[in-house]
Amino acid sequence: MGLLLIAVVMFLPFVWMLSTSLKQDSEIFGETIRWIPTVFDWENYSYIYKSLNMEVLFRNTLYVSVLAVAAQVLLCSMAGYAFARLNFPGKNILFIATILTMAVPFEVLVLPLFILVRNFPLFGGNNLLGQGGVGMMNSYSGLVFPHLVTVYGIFIFRQFFLGFPKELEDAARIDGASRPRIYWNLIMPNAGPVIGTMGLFSFLWAWNDLLWPVVLIKDTNMKTLQAGISTVAQNPSRWGEMMAASVMITIPVILVFLVLQKFLVQGVATSGLKG
């Protein structure tokens, strides 16, 4: 009963968001609270879709999110495997130092990241010294840059690989398999749960990112969904349009979660228990 009550409380804001997106302004700002609109008004959806050019925003956000998922699964799994299976000087110290960076808020890193992206060599007209151009400003590469690898991704992959039977790797090595082949042909095909978990988290992080696109992107045609609807949120009288945009943004996230939820449970169970 307690869990059901919590579920209802968590679900109510989504119901209110959907209800408000279908209301006319007279009902939104009226004195009477109505959960079900008297008249279902779809004008909020059509207006916000056309005025914000939602097709472009969806395309940009989806492209960045897919690239972020691919990059994090690849790079975080490689780093996690190195920390779990390879022996090299200072491994434990380097891993601890990596984990400690999770305590640094992203807001603190925005300025250094911006300078790095702005002066990135050989991008956007920059020379080898990072001068003369705009670097990765107003580009997909710039949007994806902070999402290439995450400490959390390295951590959960390392935890999963620590629990992977080492005997299977030893048997593969006896058969003549190299480290790269063990990683690609043995480890990764059996890492479905943690790949699904990391894929879900990285997709959500990239899809819901607001601060970085607002800082980096000035070209309207390169904006993402969160940066696009932030312009609507600046007008406090446009609740219907803002809720309609929020519904359209939330639906893909819900669909992705429903598809990958079983991997989320399996990934947490298999990667979070072994130290």
C-alpha atoms as a PDB file:
ATOM      1  CA  MET A   1       0.000   0.000   0.000  1.00  0.00           C
ATOM      2  CA  GLY A   2       2.855   2.348   0.845  1.00  0.00           C
ATOM      3  CA  LEU A   3       4.539   1.736  -2.525  1.00  0.00           C
ATOM      4  CA  LEU A   4       1.239   2.277  -4.312  1.00  0.00           C
ATOM      5  CA  LEU A   5       0.779   5.607  -2.537  1.00  0.00           C
ATOM      6  CA  ILE A   6       4.310   6.678  -3.487  1.00  0.00           C
ATOM      7  CA  ALA A   7       3.659   5.637  -7.106  1.00  0.00           C
ATOM      8  CA  VAL A   8       0.466   7.723  -7.206  1.00  0.00           C
ATOM      9  CA  VAL A   9       2.257  10.757  -5.770  1.00  0.00           C
ATOM     10  CA  MET A  10       5.063  10.397  -8.345  1.00  0.00           C
ATOM     11  CA  PHE A  11       2.587   9.938 -11.197  1.00  0.00           C
ATOM     12  CA  LEU A  12       0.361  12.933 -10.414  1.00  0.00           C
ATOM     13  CA  PRO A  13       2.732  15.591 -11.856  1.00  0.00           C
ATOM     14  CA  PHE A  14       2.745  13.766 -15.192  1.00  0.00           C
ATOM     15  CA  VAL A  15      -1.058  13.616 -15.209  1.00  0.00           C
ATOM     16  CA  TRP A  16      -1.231  17.330 -14.426  1.00  0.00           C
ATOM     17  CA  MET A  17       1.306  18.083 -17.169  1.00  0.00           C
ATOM     18  CA  LEU A  18      -0.753  16.165 -19.730  1.00  0.00           C
ATOM     19  CA  SER A  19      -3.976  17.753 -18.528  1.00  0.00           C
ATOM     20  CA  THR A  20      -2.580  21.293 -18.669  1.00  0.00           C
ATOM     21  CA  SER A  21      -1.214  20.718 -22.175  1.00  0.00           C
ATOM     22  CA  LEU A  22      -4.783  20.083 -23.391  1.00  0.00           C
ATOM     23  CA  LYS A  23      -6.432  23.017 -21.634  1.00  0.00           C
ATOM     24  CA  GLN A  24      -7.342  26.447 -22.856  1.00  0.00           C
ATOM     25  CA  ASP A  25      -5.888  29.463 -21.050  1.00  0.00           C
ATOM     26  CA  SER A  26      -9.212  30.191 -19.354  1.00  0.00           C
ATOM     27  CA  GLU A  27      -9.077  26.833 -17.570  1.00  0.00           C
ATOM     28  CA  ILE A  28      -5.343  26.934 -16.858  1.00  0.00           C
ATOM     29  CA  PHE A  29      -5.587  30.265 -15.034  1.00  0.00           C
ATOM     30  CA  GLY A  30      -9.091  29.736 -13.687  1.00  0.00           C
ATOM     31  CA  GLU A  31      -9.896  29.535  -9.991  1.00  0.00           C
ATOM     32  CA  THR A  32     -11.257  25.973 -10.242  1.00  0.00           C
ATOM     33  CA  ILE A  33      -8.815  23.084 -10.478  1.00  0.00           C
ATOM     34  CA  ARG A  34      -9.804  20.721 -13.288  1.00  0.00           C
ATOM     35  CA  TRP A  35      -7.915  17.485 -13.840  1.00  0.00           C
ATOM     36  CA  ILE A  36      -9.914  16.720 -16.987  1.00  0.00           C
ATOM     37  CA  PRO A  37     -10.253  19.600 -19.474  1.00  0.00           C
ATOM     38  CA  THR A  38     -13.752  20.626 -20.446  1.00  0.00           C
ATOM     39  CA  VAL A  39     -12.603  20.841 -24.066  1.00  0.00           C
ATOM     40  CA  PHE A  40      -9.495  19.039 -25.307  1.00  0.00           C
ATOM     41  CA  ASP A  41      -7.515  21.775 -27.047  1.00  0.00           C
ATOM     42  CA  TRP A  42      -4.728  20.459 -29.303  1.00  0.00           C
ATOM     43  CA  GLU A  43      -3.736  23.940 -30.411  1.00  0.00           C
ATOM     44  CA  ASN A  44      -0.944  24.050 -27.824  1.00  0.00           C
ATOM     45  CA  TYR A  45       0.789  21.114 -29.524  1.00  0.00           C
ATOM     46  CA  SER A  46       0.486  22.435 -33.062  1.00  0.00           C
ATOM     47  CA  TYR A  47       1.580  25.929 -32.028  1.00  0.00           C
ATOM     48  CA  ILE A  48       4.657  24.812 -30.100  1.00  0.00           C
ATOM     49  CA  TYR A  49       5.652  22.308 -32.785  1.00  0.00           C
ATOM     50  CA  LYS A  50       5.649  24.963 -35.493  1.00  0.00           C
ATOM     51  CA  SER A  51       6.956  27.919 -33.496  1.00  0.00           C
ATOM     52  CA  LEU A  52       9.940  26.069 -32.014  1.00  0.00           C
ATOM     53  CA  ASN A  53      10.661  23.980 -35.113  1.00  0.00           C
ATOM     54  CA  MET A  54      10.438  20.842 -32.973  1.00  0.00           C
ATOM     55  CA  GLU A  55      11.477  18.597 -35.848  1.00  0.00           C
ATOM     56  CA  VAL A  56      14.944  20.168 -35.872  1.00  0.00           C
ATOM     57  CA  LEU A  57      15.182  20.108 -32.077  1.00  0.00           C
ATOM     58  CA  PHE A  58      14.243  16.416 -31.973  1.00  0.00           C
ATOM     59  CA  ARG A  59      16.753  15.580 -34.695  1.00  0.00           C
ATOM     60  CA  ASN A  60      19.610  17.388 -32.959  1.00  0.00           C
ATOM     61  CA  THR A  61      18.826  15.909 -29.552  1.00  0.00           C
ATOM     62  CA  LEU A  62      18.414  12.379 -30.880  1.00  0.00           C
ATOM     63  CA  TYR A  63      21.679  12.606 -32.808  1.00  0.00           C
ATOM     64  CA  VAL A  64      23.610  13.851 -29.775  1.00  0.00           C
ATOM     65  CA  SER A  65      21.999  11.262 -27.478  1.00  0.00           C
ATOM     66  CA  VAL A  66      22.785   8.329 -29.770  1.00  0.00           C
ATOM     67  CA  LEU A  67      26.399   9.466 -30.157  1.00  0.00           C
ATOM     68  CA  ALA A  68      26.670   9.857 -26.372  1.00  0.00           C
ATOM     69  CA  VAL A  69      25.373   6.330 -25.804  1.00  0.00           C
ATOM     70  CA  ALA A  70      27.779   4.799 -28.321  1.00  0.00           C
ATOM     71  CA  ALA A  71      30.774   6.741 -26.979  1.00  0.00           C
ATOM     72  CA  GLN A  72      30.103   5.990 -23.321  1.00  0.00           C
ATOM     73  CA  VAL A  73      29.457   2.298 -23.852  1.00  0.00           C
ATOM     74  CA  LEU A  74      32.689   1.955 -25.830  1.00  0.00           C
ATOM     75  CA  LEU A  75      35.044   4.192 -23.843  1.00  0.00           C
ATOM     76  CA  CYS A  76      33.677   3.457 -20.360  1.00  0.00           C
ATOM     77  CA  SER A  77      33.764  -0.292 -20.977  1.00  0.00           C
ATOM     78  CA  MET A  78      37.377  -0.093 -22.140  1.00  0.00           C
ATOM     79  CA  ALA A  79      38.398   1.926 -19.094  1.00  0.00           C
ATOM     80  CA  GLY A  80      36.383  -0.324 -16.781  1.00  0.00           C
ATOM     81  CA  TYR A  81      38.018  -3.436 -18.216  1.00  0.00           C
ATOM     82  CA  ALA A  82      41.463  -1.909 -17.777  1.00  0.00           C
ATOM     83  CA  PHE A  83      40.781  -1.099 -14.118  1.00  0.00           C
ATOM     84  CA  ALA A  84      39.257  -4.540 -13.480  1.00  0.00           C
ATOM     85  CA  ARG A  85      41.666  -6.844 -15.285  1.00  0.00           C
ATOM     86  CA  LEU A  86      44.929  -5.102 -16.187  1.00  0.00           C
ATOM     87  CA  ASN A  87      47.768  -4.598 -13.733  1.00  0.00           C
ATOM     88  CA  PHE A  88      49.764  -1.405 -14.109  1.00  0.00           C
ATOM     89  CA  PRO A  89      51.582   0.911 -11.680  1.00  0.00           C
ATOM     90  CA  GLY A  90      49.318   3.246  -9.751  1.00  0.00           C
ATOM     91  CA  LYS A  91      46.092   1.560 -10.892  1.00  0.00           C
ATOM     92  CA  ASN A  92      44.303   1.826  -7.545  1.00  0.00           C
ATOM     93  CA  ILE A  93      45.424   5.421  -6.978  1.00  0.00           C
ATOM     94  CA  LEU A  94      44.284   6.405 -10.468  1.00  0.00           C
ATOM     95  CA  PHE A  95      40.919   4.711  -9.960  1.00  0.00           C
ATOM     96  CA  ILE A  96      40.366   6.456  -6.612  1.00  0.00           C
ATOM     97  CA  ALA A  97      41.343   9.803  -8.151  1.00  0.00           C
ATOM     98  CA  THR A  98      38.877   9.142 -10.974  1.00  0.00           C
ATOM     99  CA  ILE A  99      36.066   8.343  -8.548  1.00  0.00           C
ATOM    100  CA  LEU A 100      36.778  11.479  -6.520  1.00  0.00           C
ATOM    101  CA  THR A 101      36.053  13.635  -9.566  1.00  0.00           C
ATOM    102  CA  MET A 102      32.386  12.655  -9.185  1.00  0.00           C
ATOM    103  CA  ALA A 103      32.266  15.119  -6.279  1.00  0.00           C
ATOM    104  CA  VAL A 104      32.970  18.027  -8.650  1.00  0.00           C
ATOM    105  CA  PRO A 105      29.691  19.623  -9.884  1.00  0.00           C
ATOM    106  CA  PHE A 106      29.351  20.001 -13.632  1.00  0.00           C
ATOM    107  CA  GLU A 107      28.714  23.718 -13.159  1.00  0.00           C
ATOM    108  CA  VAL A 108      32.315  24.069 -11.980  1.00  0.00           C
ATOM    109  CA  LEU A 109      33.576  22.399 -15.145  1.00  0.00           C
ATOM    110  CA  VAL A 110      31.525  24.424 -17.621  1.00  0.00           C
ATOM    111  CA  LEU A 111      34.046  27.255 -18.044  1.00  0.00           C
ATOM    112  CA  PRO A 112      37.137  24.998 -18.499  1.00  0.00           C
ATOM    113  CA  LEU A 113      35.160  22.798 -20.898  1.00  0.00           C
ATOM    114  CA  PHE A 114      34.018  25.821 -22.873  1.00  0.00           C
ATOM    115  CA  ILE A 115      37.589  27.115 -23.206  1.00  0.00           C
ATOM    116  CA  LEU A 116      38.794  23.654 -24.243  1.00  0.00           C
ATOM    117  CA  VAL A 117      36.066  23.242 -26.851  1.00  0.00           C
ATOM    118  CA  ARG A 118      36.500  26.800 -28.109  1.00  0.00           C
ATOM    119  CA  ASN A 119      40.266  26.368 -28.566  1.00  0.00           C
ATOM    120  CA  PHE A 120      40.285  22.734 -29.694  1.00  0.00           C
ATOM    121  CA  PRO A 121      43.043  22.267 -32.298  1.00  0.00           C
ATOM    122  CA  LEU A 122      42.133  21.730 -35.963  1.00  0.00           C
ATOM    123  CA  PHE A 123      38.403  22.194 -35.406  1.00  0.00           C
ATOM    124  CA  GLY A 124      36.270  25.052 -36.694  1.00  0.00           C
ATOM    125  CA  GLY A 125      39.133  26.818 -38.429  1.00  0.00           C
ATOM    126  CA  ASN A 126      41.542  26.550 -35.486  1.00  0.00           C
ATOM    127  CA  ASN A 127      45.203  25.896 -36.165  1.00  0.00           C
ATOM    128  CA  LEU A 128      47.343  23.356 -34.351  1.00  0.00           C
ATOM    129  CA  LEU A 129      47.584  25.741 -31.393  1.00  0.00           C
ATOM    130  CA  GLY A 130      43.805  26.147 -31.172  1.00  0.00           C
ATOM    131  CA  GLN A 131      43.706  29.684 -32.511  1.00  0.00           C
ATOM    132  CA  GLY A 132      42.061  31.431 -35.439  1.00  0.00           C
ATOM    133  CA  GLY A 133      38.636  29.793 -35.433  1.00  0.00           C
ATOM    134  CA  VAL A 134      35.677  28.823 -33.283  1.00  0.00           C
ATOM    135  CA  GLY A 135      36.679  25.273 -32.417  1.00  0.00           C
ATOM    136  CA  MET A 136      33.742  22.985 -31.743  1.00  0.00           C
ATOM    137  CA  MET A 137      31.270  25.796 -31.088  1.00  0.00           C
ATOM    138  CA  ASN A 138      27.822  25.287 -32.659  1.00  0.00           C
ATOM    139  CA  SER A 139      28.578  21.688 -33.650  1.00  0.00           C
ATOM    140  CA  TYR A 140      27.502  18.164 -32.803  1.00  0.00           C
ATOM    141  CA  SER A 141      31.042  17.324 -31.749  1.00  0.00           C
ATOM    142  CA  GLY A 142      30.951  20.130 -29.201  1.00  0.00           C
ATOM    143  CA  LEU A 143      27.587  19.014 -27.840  1.00  0.00           C
ATOM    144  CA  VAL A 144      28.748  15.417 -27.467  1.00  0.00           C
ATOM    145  CA  PHE A 145      32.177  16.267 -26.015  1.00  0.00           C
ATOM    146  CA  PRO A 146      31.198  16.285 -22.288  1.00  0.00           C
ATOM    147  CA  HIS A 147      29.248  13.036 -22.804  1.00  0.00           C
ATOM    148  CA  LEU A 148      32.063  10.991 -24.324  1.00  0.00           C
ATOM    149  CA  VAL A 149      32.976   9.310 -21.051  1.00  0.00           C
ATOM    150  CA  THR A 150      31.650   9.451 -17.478  1.00  0.00           C
ATOM    151  CA  VAL A 151      33.120   8.350 -14.173  1.00  0.00           C
ATOM    152  CA  TYR A 152      29.902   6.560 -13.283  1.00  0.00           C
ATOM    153  CA  GLY A 153      30.115   4.548 -16.495  1.00  0.00           C
ATOM    154  CA  ILE A 154      33.686   3.523 -15.754  1.00  0.00           C
ATOM    155  CA  PHE A 155      32.648   2.494 -12.246  1.00  0.00           C
ATOM    156  CA  ILE A 156      29.707   0.249 -13.178  1.00  0.00           C
ATOM    157  CA  PHE A 157      31.637  -1.430 -15.994  1.00  0.00           C
ATOM    158  CA  ARG A 158      34.558  -2.085 -13.640  1.00  0.00           C
ATOM    159  CA  GLN A 159      32.208  -3.577 -11.056  1.00  0.00           C
ATOM    160  CA  PHE A 160      30.652  -5.845 -13.659  1.00  0.00           C
ATOM    161  CA  PHE A 161      33.997  -7.011 -15.017  1.00  0.00           C
ATOM    162  CA  LEU A 162      35.244  -7.766 -11.494  1.00  0.00           C
ATOM    163  CA  GLY A 163      32.361 -10.193 -11.122  1.00  0.00           C
ATOM    164  CA  PHE A 164      32.893 -11.809 -14.531  1.00  0.00           C
ATOM    165  CA  PRO A 165      34.357 -15.357 -14.202  1.00  0.00           C
ATOM    166  CA  LYS A 166      38.078 -15.067 -14.685  1.00  0.00           C
ATOM    167  CA  GLU A 167      38.278 -18.743 -15.595  1.00  0.00           C
ATOM    168  CA  LEU A 168      36.575 -17.991 -18.915  1.00  0.00           C
ATOM    169  CA  GLU A 169      39.242 -15.440 -19.748  1.00  0.00           C
ATOM    170  CA  ASP A 170      42.008 -17.853 -18.737  1.00  0.00           C
ATOM    171  CA  ALA A 171      40.509 -20.532 -20.990  1.00  0.00           C
ATOM    172  CA  ALA A 172      40.335 -18.080 -23.892  1.00  0.00           C
ATOM    173  CA  ARG A 173      43.939 -17.017 -23.284  1.00  0.00           C
ATOM    174  CA  ILE A 174      45.068 -20.669 -23.311  1.00  0.00           C
ATOM    175  CA  ASP A 175      43.361 -21.016 -26.711  1.00  0.00           C
ATOM    176  CA  GLY A 176      45.486 -18.141 -27.949  1.00  0.00           C
ATOM    177  CA  ALA A 177      43.062 -15.232 -27.682  1.00  0.00           C
ATOM    178  CA  SER A 178      44.616 -11.807 -27.179  1.00  0.00           C
ATOM    179  CA  ARG A 179      43.349  -9.146 -24.773  1.00  0.00           C
ATOM    180  CA  PRO A 180      41.456  -7.233 -27.489  1.00  0.00           C
ATOM    181  CA  ARG A 181      39.837 -10.409 -28.745  1.00  0.00           C
ATOM    182  CA  ILE A 182      38.817 -11.433 -25.218  1.00  0.00           C
ATOM    183  CA  TYR A 183      37.301  -7.998 -24.721  1.00  0.00           C
ATOM    184  CA  TRP A 184      35.379  -7.942 -28.020  1.00  0.00           C
ATOM    185  CA  ASN A 185      34.396 -11.603 -28.430  1.00  0.00           C
ATOM    186  CA  LEU A 186      33.997 -12.773 -24.833  1.00  0.00           C
ATOM    187  CA  ILE A 187      33.469  -9.912 -22.412  1.00  0.00           C
ATOM    188  CA  MET A 188      31.235  -7.531 -24.352  1.00  0.00           C
ATOM    189  CA  PRO A 189      28.762 -10.137 -25.711  1.00  0.00           C
ATOM    190  CA  ASN A 190      28.095 -11.163 -22.085  1.00  0.00           C
ATOM    191  CA  ALA A 191      27.814  -7.610 -20.767  1.00  0.00           C
ATOM    192  CA  GLY A 192      24.289  -6.983 -22.028  1.00  0.00           C
ATOM    193  CA  PRO A 193      22.772  -5.917 -18.670  1.00  0.00           C
ATOM    194  CA  VAL A 194      25.436  -3.331 -17.871  1.00  0.00           C
ATOM    195  CA  ILE A 195      25.485  -2.078 -21.475  1.00  0.00           C
ATOM    196  CA  GLY A 196      21.709  -1.607 -21.316  1.00  0.00           C
ATOM    197  CA  THR A 197      21.996   0.183 -17.973  1.00  0.00           C
ATOM    198  CA  MET A 198      24.738   2.494 -19.178  1.00  0.00           C
ATOM    199  CA  GLY A 199      22.908   3.078 -22.442  1.00  0.00           C
ATOM    200  CA  LEU A 200      19.775   4.147 -20.562  1.00  0.00           C
ATOM    201  CA  PHE A 201      21.616   6.484 -18.202  1.00  0.00           C
ATOM    202  CA  SER A 202      23.750   8.082 -20.906  1.00  0.00           C
ATOM    203  CA  PHE A 203      20.687   8.596 -23.110  1.00  0.00           C
ATOM    204  CA  LEU A 204      18.821  10.316 -20.285  1.00  0.00           C
ATOM    205  CA  TRP A 205      21.793  12.535 -19.416  1.00  0.00           C
ATOM    206  CA  ALA A 206      22.261  13.678 -22.993  1.00  0.00           C
ATOM    207  CA  TRP A 207      18.527  14.007 -23.713  1.00  0.00           C
ATOM    208  CA  ASN A 208      17.855  16.139 -20.630  1.00  0.00           C
ATOM    209  CA  ASP A 209      21.021  18.245 -20.767  1.00  0.00           C
ATOM    210  CA  LEU A 210      20.233  21.956 -20.640  1.00  0.00           C
ATOM    211  CA  LEU A 211      23.205  23.884 -19.298  1.00  0.00           C
ATOM    212  CA  TRP A 212      25.836  22.780 -21.818  1.00  0.00           C
ATOM    213  CA  PRO A 213      23.737  23.354 -24.990  1.00  0.00           C
ATOM    214  CA  VAL A 214      22.688  26.787 -23.708  1.00  0.00           C
ATOM    215  CA  VAL A 215      26.338  27.737 -23.121  1.00  0.00           C
ATOM    216  CA  LEU A 216      27.733  26.254 -26.337  1.00  0.00           C
ATOM    217  CA  ILE A 217      25.075  26.740 -29.008  1.00  0.00           C
ATOM    218  CA  LYS A 218      24.133  30.112 -30.494  1.00  0.00           C
ATOM    219  CA  ASP A 219      22.874  28.846 -33.853  1.00  0.00           C
ATOM    220  CA  THR A 220      19.111  28.213 -33.720  1.00  0.00           C
ATOM    221  CA  ASN A 221      19.402  25.254 -36.103  1.00  0.00           C
ATOM    222  CA  MET A 222      21.802  23.489 -33.696  1.00  0.00           C
ATOM    223  CA  LYS A 223      19.758  23.830 -30.511  1.00  0.00           C
ATOM    224  CA  THR A 224      18.543  20.790 -28.601  1.00  0.00           C
ATOM    225  CA  LEU A 225      15.109  20.208 -27.103  1.00  0.00           C
ATOM    226  CA  GLN A 226      15.892  21.459 -23.612  1.00  0.00           C
ATOM    227  CA  ALA A 227      17.561  24.605 -24.923  1.00  0.00           C
ATOM    228  CA  GLY A 228      14.663  25.186 -27.311  1.00  0.00           C
ATOM    229  CA  ILE A 229      11.843  24.970 -24.775  1.00  0.00           C
ATOM    230  CA  SER A 230      13.794  27.092 -22.284  1.00  0.00           C
ATOM    231  CA  THR A 231      12.745  30.062 -24.407  1.00  0.00           C
ATOM    232  CA  VAL A 232       9.091  29.157 -23.793  1.00  0.00           C
ATOM    233  CA  ALA A 233       9.675  28.843 -20.032  1.00  0.00           C
ATOM    234  CA  GLN A 234      10.810  32.472 -19.944  1.00  0.00           C
ATOM    235  CA  ASN A 235       7.225  33.544 -20.590  1.00  0.00           C
ATOM    236  CA  PRO A 236       5.148  32.736 -17.463  1.00  0.00           C
ATOM    237  CA  SER A 237       1.837  33.090 -19.313  1.00  0.00           C
ATOM    238  CA  ARG A 238       2.446  30.261 -21.780  1.00  0.00           C
ATOM    239  CA  TRP A 239       1.847  27.278 -19.503  1.00  0.00           C
ATOM    240  CA  GLY A 240      -0.210  25.373 -22.049  1.00  0.00           C
ATOM    241  CA  GLU A 241       2.497  25.519 -24.722  1.00  0.00           C
ATOM    242  CA  MET A 242       5.221  24.709 -22.222  1.00  0.00           C
ATOM    243  CA  MET A 243       3.359  21.654 -20.922  1.00  0.00           C
ATOM    244  CA  ALA A 244       2.711  20.492 -24.485  1.00  0.00           C
ATOM    245  CA  ALA A 245       6.425  20.726 -25.251  1.00  0.00           C
ATOM    246  CA  SER A 246       7.214  18.866 -22.013  1.00  0.00           C
ATOM    247  CA  VAL A 247       4.833  16.044 -22.965  1.00  0.00           C
ATOM    248  CA  MET A 248       6.447  15.666 -26.394  1.00  0.00           C
ATOM    249  CA  ILE A 249       9.919  15.581 -24.827  1.00  0.00           C
ATOM    250  CA  THR A 250       8.927  13.101 -22.117  1.00  0.00           C
ATOM    251  CA  ILE A 251       7.293  10.473 -24.357  1.00  0.00           C
ATOM    252  CA  PRO A 252      10.570   9.273 -26.004  1.00  0.00           C
ATOM    253  CA  VAL A 253      12.218   9.021 -22.572  1.00  0.00           C
ATOM    254  CA  ILE A 254       9.368   6.866 -21.262  1.00  0.00           C
ATOM    255  CA  LEU A 255       9.554   4.607 -24.322  1.00  0.00           C
ATOM    256  CA  VAL A 256      13.320   4.152 -23.945  1.00  0.00           C
ATOM    257  CA  PHE A 257      12.904   3.371 -20.255  1.00  0.00           C
ATOM    258  CA  LEU A 258      10.186   0.774 -20.924  1.00  0.00           C
ATOM    259  CA  VAL A 259      12.430  -0.945 -23.468  1.00  0.00           C
ATOM    260  CA  LEU A 260      15.546  -0.952 -21.272  1.00  0.00           C
ATOM    261  CA  GLN A 261      14.073  -1.300 -17.773  1.00  0.00           C
ATOM    262  CA  LYS A 262      14.904  -5.007 -17.522  1.00  0.00           C
ATOM    263  CA  PHE A 263      18.542  -4.214 -18.304  1.00  0.00           C
ATOM    264  CA  LEU A 264      18.483  -1.549 -15.605  1.00  0.00           C
ATOM    265  CA  VAL A 265      17.460  -4.044 -12.926  1.00  0.00           C
ATOM    266  CA  GLN A 266      19.912  -6.706 -14.126  1.00  0.00           C
ATOM    267  CA  GLY A 267      22.733  -4.172 -14.503  1.00  0.00           C
ATOM    268  CA  VAL A 268      22.362  -2.809 -10.981  1.00  0.00           C
ATOM    269  CA  ALA A 269      22.173  -6.347  -9.588  1.00  0.00           C
ATOM    270  CA  THR A 270      25.272  -7.571 -11.422  1.00  0.00           C
ATOM    271  CA  SER A 271      27.497  -4.487 -11.188  1.00  0.00           C
ATOM    272  CA  GLY A 272      26.786  -2.888  -7.854  1.00  0.00           C
ATOM    273  CA  LEU A 273      27.502  -5.595  -5.311  1.00  0.00           C
ATOM    274  CA  LYS A 274      31.110  -6.556  -5.771  1.00  0.00           C
ATOM    275  CA  GLY A 275      33.786  -4.187  -4.483  1.00  0.00           C
END
